[in-house]
Amino acid sequence: MICRLPGNKVVGMKQTVKAIKNKKARTVYIAKDADDKLIQSVKVLIDDNSQEIVYVDTMKKLGKLCGIDVGAAMAAVLKD
């Protein structure tokens, strides 16, 4: 398992959606236990913009991967 997400990243739904819309996201990480209603709209954006999706088991694990002490529904690693 990865200890931390590599490179520059954004955490949270608002920042991730912003990065996807601005075509700055390389890889999008989504927690499997996040609210499905929130995730569906983001998946549509990801499909339209062709980013890679990586699923993480829980929001707590994704938060740890991002280096924060709380859970995160999604995060994105940014392009260089």
C-alpha atoms as a PDB file:
ATOM      1  CA  MET A   1       0.000   0.000   0.000  1.00  0.00           C
ATOM      2  CA  ILE A   2       1.142   3.517  -0.744  1.00  0.00           C
ATOM      3  CA  CYS A   3       2.146   5.500   2.351  1.00  0.00           C
ATOM      4  CA  ARG A   4       1.312   8.915   0.865  1.00  0.00           C
ATOM      5  CA  LEU A   5      -0.044  10.175  -2.435  1.00  0.00           C
ATOM      6  CA  PRO A   6       2.855  11.305  -4.627  1.00  0.00           C
ATOM      7  CA  GLY A   7       3.338  14.875  -5.833  1.00  0.00           C
ATOM      8  CA  ASN A   8       1.085  17.884  -5.510  1.00  0.00           C
ATOM      9  CA  LYS A   9      -2.484  17.079  -4.577  1.00  0.00           C
ATOM     10  CA  VAL A  10      -5.829  18.531  -3.620  1.00  0.00           C
ATOM     11  CA  VAL A  11      -8.150  17.002  -1.043  1.00  0.00           C
ATOM     12  CA  GLY A  12     -11.921  17.142  -0.832  1.00  0.00           C
ATOM     13  CA  MET A  13     -14.764  17.233  -3.293  1.00  0.00           C
ATOM     14  CA  LYS A  14     -14.745  20.955  -4.143  1.00  0.00           C
ATOM     15  CA  GLN A  15     -11.014  21.109  -4.824  1.00  0.00           C
ATOM     16  CA  THR A  16     -11.022  17.825  -6.746  1.00  0.00           C
ATOM     17  CA  VAL A  17     -13.913  18.931  -8.977  1.00  0.00           C
ATOM     18  CA  LYS A  18     -12.128  22.232  -9.615  1.00  0.00           C
ATOM     19  CA  ALA A  19      -8.937  20.391 -10.617  1.00  0.00           C
ATOM     20  CA  ILE A  20     -10.871  18.061 -12.954  1.00  0.00           C
ATOM     21  CA  LYS A  21     -12.712  20.947 -14.635  1.00  0.00           C
ATOM     22  CA  ASN A  22      -9.442  22.862 -15.109  1.00  0.00           C
ATOM     23  CA  LYS A  23      -7.807  19.706 -16.544  1.00  0.00           C
ATOM     24  CA  LYS A  24      -5.141  19.755 -13.821  1.00  0.00           C
ATOM     25  CA  ALA A  25      -5.955  16.371 -12.238  1.00  0.00           C
ATOM     26  CA  ARG A  26      -3.874  13.387 -13.311  1.00  0.00           C
ATOM     27  CA  THR A  27      -5.316  10.730 -10.988  1.00  0.00           C
ATOM     28  CA  VAL A  28      -8.462  10.916  -8.875  1.00  0.00           C
ATOM     29  CA  TYR A  29      -8.714   8.892  -5.655  1.00  0.00           C
ATOM     30  CA  ILE A  30     -12.205   8.052  -4.384  1.00  0.00           C
ATOM     31  CA  ALA A  31     -13.143   6.422  -1.075  1.00  0.00           C
ATOM     32  CA  LYS A  32     -15.460   3.440  -1.550  1.00  0.00           C
ATOM     33  CA  ASP A  33     -17.497   4.385   1.528  1.00  0.00           C
ATOM     34  CA  ALA A  34     -18.134   7.988   0.425  1.00  0.00           C
ATOM     35  CA  ASP A  35     -21.721   9.130  -0.231  1.00  0.00           C
ATOM     36  CA  ASP A  36     -22.733   7.661  -3.592  1.00  0.00           C
ATOM     37  CA  LYS A  37     -24.780  10.733  -4.585  1.00  0.00           C
ATOM     38  CA  LEU A  38     -21.685  12.912  -4.356  1.00  0.00           C
ATOM     39  CA  ILE A  39     -19.481  10.444  -6.162  1.00  0.00           C
ATOM     40  CA  GLN A  40     -21.785   9.944  -9.168  1.00  0.00           C
ATOM     41  CA  SER A  41     -21.539  13.559 -10.315  1.00  0.00           C
ATOM     42  CA  VAL A  42     -17.757  13.458 -10.024  1.00  0.00           C
ATOM     43  CA  LYS A  43     -17.572  10.189 -11.982  1.00  0.00           C
ATOM     44  CA  VAL A  44     -19.389  11.886 -14.872  1.00  0.00           C
ATOM     45  CA  LEU A  45     -16.772  14.660 -14.899  1.00  0.00           C
ATOM     46  CA  ILE A  46     -13.965  12.113 -14.763  1.00  0.00           C
ATOM     47  CA  ASP A  47     -15.421  10.138 -17.688  1.00  0.00           C
ATOM     48  CA  ASP A  48     -15.715  13.346 -19.742  1.00  0.00           C
ATOM     49  CA  ASN A  49     -12.118  14.347 -19.001  1.00  0.00           C
ATOM     50  CA  SER A  50     -10.464  10.880 -19.056  1.00  0.00           C
ATOM     51  CA  GLN A  51      -8.691  10.909 -15.696  1.00  0.00           C
ATOM     52  CA  GLU A  52      -7.567   7.710 -14.019  1.00  0.00           C
ATOM     53  CA  ILE A  53      -9.640   6.630 -10.991  1.00  0.00           C
ATOM     54  CA  VAL A  54      -8.173   4.764  -8.017  1.00  0.00           C
ATOM     55  CA  TYR A  55     -10.534   3.462  -5.347  1.00  0.00           C
ATOM     56  CA  VAL A  56      -9.493   3.422  -1.688  1.00  0.00           C
ATOM     57  CA  ASP A  57     -11.332   1.238   0.853  1.00  0.00           C
ATOM     58  CA  THR A  58     -12.348   3.930   3.335  1.00  0.00           C
ATOM     59  CA  MET A  59     -12.436   7.691   3.764  1.00  0.00           C
ATOM     60  CA  LYS A  60     -10.169   7.311   6.784  1.00  0.00           C
ATOM     61  CA  LYS A  61      -7.492   5.523   4.697  1.00  0.00           C
ATOM     62  CA  LEU A  62      -7.717   8.148   1.977  1.00  0.00           C
ATOM     63  CA  GLY A  63      -7.278  10.875   4.576  1.00  0.00           C
ATOM     64  CA  LYS A  64      -4.130   9.151   5.855  1.00  0.00           C
ATOM     65  CA  LEU A  65      -2.818   8.817   2.278  1.00  0.00           C
ATOM     66  CA  CYS A  66      -3.297  12.566   1.918  1.00  0.00           C
ATOM     67  CA  GLY A  67      -1.491  13.270   5.179  1.00  0.00           C
ATOM     68  CA  ILE A  68      -4.516  14.602   7.076  1.00  0.00           C
ATOM     69  CA  ASP A  69      -6.045  13.415  10.343  1.00  0.00           C
ATOM     70  CA  VAL A  70      -9.637  13.266   9.082  1.00  0.00           C
ATOM     71  CA  GLY A  71     -11.352  11.240   6.388  1.00  0.00           C
ATOM     72  CA  ALA A  72     -11.582  12.397   2.788  1.00  0.00           C
ATOM     73  CA  ALA A  73     -14.171  11.374   0.196  1.00  0.00           C
ATOM     74  CA  MET A  74     -11.860  12.139  -2.702  1.00  0.00           C
ATOM     75  CA  ALA A  75      -8.541  13.618  -3.668  1.00  0.00           C
ATOM     76  CA  ALA A  76      -6.635  14.294  -6.857  1.00  0.00           C
ATOM     77  CA  VAL A  77      -2.959  14.167  -7.743  1.00  0.00           C
ATOM     78  CA  LEU A  78      -2.177  17.119  -9.980  1.00  0.00           C
ATOM     79  CA  LYS A  79      -0.257  17.161 -13.234  1.00  0.00           C
ATOM     80  CA  ASP A  80       3.258  18.577 -13.058  1.00  0.00           C
END
